[in-house]
């Protein structure tokens, strides 16, 4: 079985969701740290906007990656997978 094309839209959505989850895991504790150390405004900004910015970054980078993969797979022939049942 060979993967020759990735749907750019669906890969971008998946990548965006994964980056939002990463943002929640990283940015909320970082924001709480800033709040505890006295930087209240910075802590709120990181905790609220950090996951959203990372999600947007994941959406854009996932879309670009899928486009690059599709172009490269035309020349290289895709990725061969061996699947056992």
N, C-alpha and C. Protein backbone atom coordinates (compact mmCIF):
# COMPACT_ATOMS: atom_id res chain seq x y z
N UNK A 1 0.84 -1.16 0.00
CA UNK A 1 0.00 0.00 0.00
C UNK A 1 0.90 1.24 0.00
N UNK A 2 0.57 2.24 -0.80
CA UNK A 2 1.39 3.43 -0.94
C UNK A 2 0.56 4.68 -0.72
N UNK A 3 1.05 5.58 0.12
CA UNK A 3 0.42 6.88 0.29
C UNK A 3 1.00 7.81 -0.75
N UNK A 4 0.16 8.27 -1.68
CA UNK A 4 0.64 9.15 -2.73
C UNK A 4 0.10 10.56 -2.61
N UNK A 5 -0.98 10.76 -1.84
CA UNK A 5 -1.55 12.09 -1.70
C UNK A 5 -2.21 12.22 -0.34
N UNK A 6 -2.07 13.40 0.26
CA UNK A 6 -2.71 13.73 1.53
C UNK A 6 -3.67 14.88 1.26
N UNK A 7 -4.91 14.77 1.74
CA UNK A 7 -5.85 15.86 1.61
C UNK A 7 -5.38 17.01 2.49
N UNK A 8 -5.06 18.13 1.86
CA UNK A 8 -4.46 19.26 2.58
C UNK A 8 -5.39 19.82 3.65
N UNK A 9 -6.67 19.92 3.35
CA UNK A 9 -7.62 20.49 4.31
C UNK A 9 -7.78 19.64 5.55
N UNK A 10 -7.94 18.33 5.35
CA UNK A 10 -8.13 17.46 6.52
C UNK A 10 -6.86 17.34 7.34
N UNK A 11 -5.71 17.32 6.69
CA UNK A 11 -4.45 17.27 7.44
C UNK A 11 -4.24 18.56 8.22
N UNK A 12 -4.62 19.69 7.61
CA UNK A 12 -4.48 20.98 8.30
C UNK A 12 -5.37 21.03 9.54
N UNK A 13 -6.61 20.52 9.43
CA UNK A 13 -7.50 20.51 10.59
C UNK A 13 -6.94 19.64 11.71
N UNK A 14 -6.46 18.45 11.36
CA UNK A 14 -5.89 17.55 12.36
C UNK A 14 -4.67 18.19 13.02
N UNK A 15 -3.81 18.78 12.23
CA UNK A 15 -2.62 19.42 12.76
C UNK A 15 -3.00 20.60 13.67
N UNK A 16 -3.99 21.37 13.27
CA UNK A 16 -4.44 22.48 14.10
C UNK A 16 -4.96 22.03 15.45
N UNK A 17 -5.76 20.95 15.46
CA UNK A 17 -6.29 20.44 16.72
C UNK A 17 -5.16 19.92 17.62
N UNK A 18 -4.20 19.22 17.04
CA UNK A 18 -3.09 18.71 17.84
C UNK A 18 -2.25 19.85 18.42
N UNK A 19 -2.06 20.91 17.65
CA UNK A 19 -1.30 22.05 18.16
C UNK A 19 -2.08 22.79 19.24
N UNK A 20 -3.43 22.85 19.15
CA UNK A 20 -4.22 23.45 20.21
C UNK A 20 -4.06 22.65 21.51
N UNK A 21 -4.10 21.32 21.40
CA UNK A 21 -3.90 20.48 22.59
C UNK A 21 -2.52 20.71 23.19
N UNK A 22 -1.52 20.81 22.33
CA UNK A 22 -0.17 21.11 22.81
C UNK A 22 -0.14 22.47 23.48
N UNK A 23 -0.83 23.43 22.91
CA UNK A 23 -0.89 24.77 23.50
C UNK A 23 -1.56 24.76 24.87
N UNK A 24 -2.61 23.95 25.02
CA UNK A 24 -3.27 23.86 26.32
C UNK A 24 -2.33 23.25 27.35
N UNK A 25 -1.62 22.20 26.95
CA UNK A 25 -0.71 21.52 27.87
C UNK A 25 0.44 22.42 28.29
N UNK A 26 0.94 23.25 27.38
CA UNK A 26 2.12 24.07 27.66
C UNK A 26 1.75 25.47 28.16
N UNK A 27 0.80 26.12 27.50
CA UNK A 27 0.56 27.54 27.76
C UNK A 27 -0.22 27.81 29.04
N UNK A 28 -1.13 26.94 29.40
CA UNK A 28 -1.89 27.20 30.63
C UNK A 28 -0.98 27.11 31.87
N UNK A 29 -0.14 26.08 32.01
CA UNK A 29 0.79 26.11 33.15
C UNK A 29 1.77 27.28 33.09
N UNK A 30 2.23 27.63 31.89
CA UNK A 30 3.13 28.77 31.77
C UNK A 30 2.42 30.06 32.17
N UNK A 31 1.16 30.20 31.74
CA UNK A 31 0.39 31.38 32.13
C UNK A 31 0.17 31.45 33.63
N UNK A 32 -0.12 30.30 34.25
CA UNK A 32 -0.28 30.28 35.70
C UNK A 32 1.01 30.65 36.42
N UNK A 33 2.13 30.21 35.89
CA UNK A 33 3.42 30.58 36.47
C UNK A 33 3.60 32.09 36.43
N UNK A 34 3.29 32.71 35.29
CA UNK A 34 3.44 34.16 35.18
C UNK A 34 2.49 34.88 36.14
N UNK A 35 1.27 34.35 36.29
CA UNK A 35 0.32 34.97 37.22
C UNK A 35 0.82 34.87 38.64
N UNK A 36 1.35 33.71 39.02
CA UNK A 36 1.85 33.51 40.39
C UNK A 36 3.05 34.42 40.68
N UNK A 37 3.91 34.62 39.69
CA UNK A 37 5.10 35.44 39.91
C UNK A 37 4.83 36.93 39.80
N UNK A 38 3.56 37.31 39.59
CA UNK A 38 3.23 38.73 39.62
C UNK A 38 2.99 39.38 38.27
N UNK A 39 3.22 38.68 37.20
CA UNK A 39 2.98 39.24 35.86
C UNK A 39 1.59 38.82 35.39
N UNK A 40 0.57 39.43 35.98
CA UNK A 40 -0.81 38.99 35.77
C UNK A 40 -1.23 39.11 34.31
N UNK A 41 -1.00 40.27 33.70
CA UNK A 41 -1.45 40.48 32.32
C UNK A 41 -0.76 39.53 31.34
N UNK A 42 0.54 39.35 31.50
CA UNK A 42 1.27 38.43 30.63
C UNK A 42 0.78 37.00 30.80
N UNK A 43 0.50 36.62 32.04
CA UNK A 43 0.01 35.27 32.31
C UNK A 43 -1.34 35.01 31.67
N UNK A 44 -2.24 35.98 31.75
CA UNK A 44 -3.55 35.83 31.12
C UNK A 44 -3.40 35.75 29.60
N UNK A 45 -2.55 36.61 29.04
CA UNK A 45 -2.35 36.60 27.58
C UNK A 45 -1.80 35.25 27.11
N UNK A 46 -0.84 34.72 27.82
CA UNK A 46 -0.26 33.43 27.44
C UNK A 46 -1.28 32.32 27.57
N UNK A 47 -2.01 32.29 28.68
CA UNK A 47 -2.97 31.21 28.92
C UNK A 47 -4.15 31.26 27.95
N UNK A 48 -4.58 32.45 27.55
CA UNK A 48 -5.75 32.57 26.68
C UNK A 48 -5.36 32.50 25.21
N UNK A 49 -4.37 33.30 24.82
CA UNK A 49 -4.05 33.41 23.40
C UNK A 49 -3.01 32.40 22.92
N UNK A 50 -2.23 31.82 23.84
CA UNK A 50 -1.20 30.86 23.44
C UNK A 50 -1.75 29.67 22.68
N UNK A 51 -2.75 28.95 23.22
CA UNK A 51 -3.31 27.81 22.48
C UNK A 51 -3.92 28.20 21.13
N UNK A 52 -4.55 29.38 21.07
CA UNK A 52 -5.15 29.82 19.81
C UNK A 52 -4.08 30.11 18.76
N UNK A 53 -3.01 30.77 19.18
CA UNK A 53 -1.92 31.07 18.24
C UNK A 53 -1.25 29.79 17.77
N UNK A 54 -1.02 28.86 18.70
CA UNK A 54 -0.42 27.59 18.31
C UNK A 54 -1.35 26.80 17.38
N UNK A 55 -2.65 26.85 17.63
CA UNK A 55 -3.60 26.17 16.76
C UNK A 55 -3.57 26.74 15.35
N UNK A 56 -3.51 28.05 15.24
CA UNK A 56 -3.43 28.69 13.92
C UNK A 56 -2.12 28.31 13.23
N UNK A 57 -1.04 28.29 14.00
CA UNK A 57 0.25 27.87 13.45
C UNK A 57 0.20 26.43 12.95
N UNK A 58 -0.44 25.55 13.73
CA UNK A 58 -0.57 24.16 13.30
C UNK A 58 -1.42 24.01 12.06
N UNK A 59 -2.48 24.81 11.96
CA UNK A 59 -3.34 24.78 10.78
C UNK A 59 -2.57 25.17 9.53
N UNK A 60 -1.84 26.27 9.61
CA UNK A 60 -1.09 26.76 8.46
C UNK A 60 0.05 25.81 8.11
N UNK A 61 0.83 25.39 9.11
CA UNK A 61 1.97 24.51 8.81
C UNK A 61 1.51 23.14 8.34
N UNK A 62 0.38 22.64 8.85
CA UNK A 62 -0.15 21.37 8.36
C UNK A 62 -0.58 21.45 6.91
N UNK A 63 -1.20 22.56 6.53
CA UNK A 63 -1.62 22.75 5.14
C UNK A 63 -0.41 22.82 4.22
N UNK A 64 0.60 23.58 4.63
CA UNK A 64 1.82 23.71 3.82
C UNK A 64 2.54 22.37 3.72
N UNK A 65 2.62 21.62 4.83
CA UNK A 65 3.27 20.31 4.80
C UNK A 65 2.57 19.38 3.83
N UNK A 66 1.23 19.33 3.87
CA UNK A 66 0.49 18.44 2.98
C UNK A 66 0.71 18.82 1.52
N UNK A 67 0.73 20.12 1.24
CA UNK A 67 1.00 20.54 -0.14
C UNK A 67 2.40 20.12 -0.58
N UNK A 68 3.39 20.33 0.28
CA UNK A 68 4.77 19.93 -0.06
C UNK A 68 4.88 18.41 -0.23
N UNK A 69 4.19 17.66 0.63
CA UNK A 69 4.20 16.20 0.51
C UNK A 69 3.62 15.78 -0.83
N UNK A 70 2.50 16.37 -1.21
CA UNK A 70 1.87 16.00 -2.48
C UNK A 70 2.76 16.30 -3.67
N UNK A 71 3.48 17.41 -3.62
CA UNK A 71 4.40 17.74 -4.72
C UNK A 71 5.57 16.77 -4.73
N UNK A 72 6.15 16.51 -3.56
CA UNK A 72 7.32 15.62 -3.49
C UNK A 72 6.96 14.18 -3.85
N UNK A 73 5.75 13.74 -3.49
CA UNK A 73 5.39 12.35 -3.76
C UNK A 73 5.20 12.08 -5.25
N UNK A 74 4.94 13.12 -6.03
CA UNK A 74 4.88 12.93 -7.50
C UNK A 74 6.22 12.48 -8.05
N UNK A 75 7.30 13.01 -7.47
CA UNK A 75 8.63 12.68 -7.95
C UNK A 75 9.20 11.44 -7.27
N UNK A 76 8.93 11.28 -5.99
CA UNK A 76 9.52 10.18 -5.22
C UNK A 76 8.66 8.92 -5.20
N UNK A 77 7.39 9.05 -5.53
CA UNK A 77 6.53 7.87 -5.58
C UNK A 77 5.74 7.59 -4.32
N UNK A 78 5.79 8.46 -3.35
CA UNK A 78 4.98 8.28 -2.15
C UNK A 78 5.69 7.51 -1.05
N UNK A 79 4.91 7.10 -0.04
CA UNK A 79 5.43 6.34 1.09
C UNK A 79 4.82 4.96 1.06
N UNK A 80 5.64 3.94 1.06
CA UNK A 80 5.16 2.58 1.04
C UNK A 80 4.91 2.10 2.47
N UNK A 81 3.75 1.50 2.70
CA UNK A 81 3.39 0.98 4.02
C UNK A 81 3.17 -0.52 3.93
N UNK A 82 3.60 -1.22 4.95
CA UNK A 82 3.29 -2.65 5.07
C UNK A 82 2.37 -2.83 6.25
N UNK A 83 1.15 -3.30 5.98
CA UNK A 83 0.15 -3.44 7.01
C UNK A 83 -0.18 -4.92 7.18
N UNK A 84 -0.13 -5.39 8.43
CA UNK A 84 -0.49 -6.77 8.73
C UNK A 84 -1.81 -6.80 9.47
N UNK A 85 -2.58 -7.85 9.23
CA UNK A 85 -3.86 -7.99 9.90
C UNK A 85 -3.80 -9.10 10.93
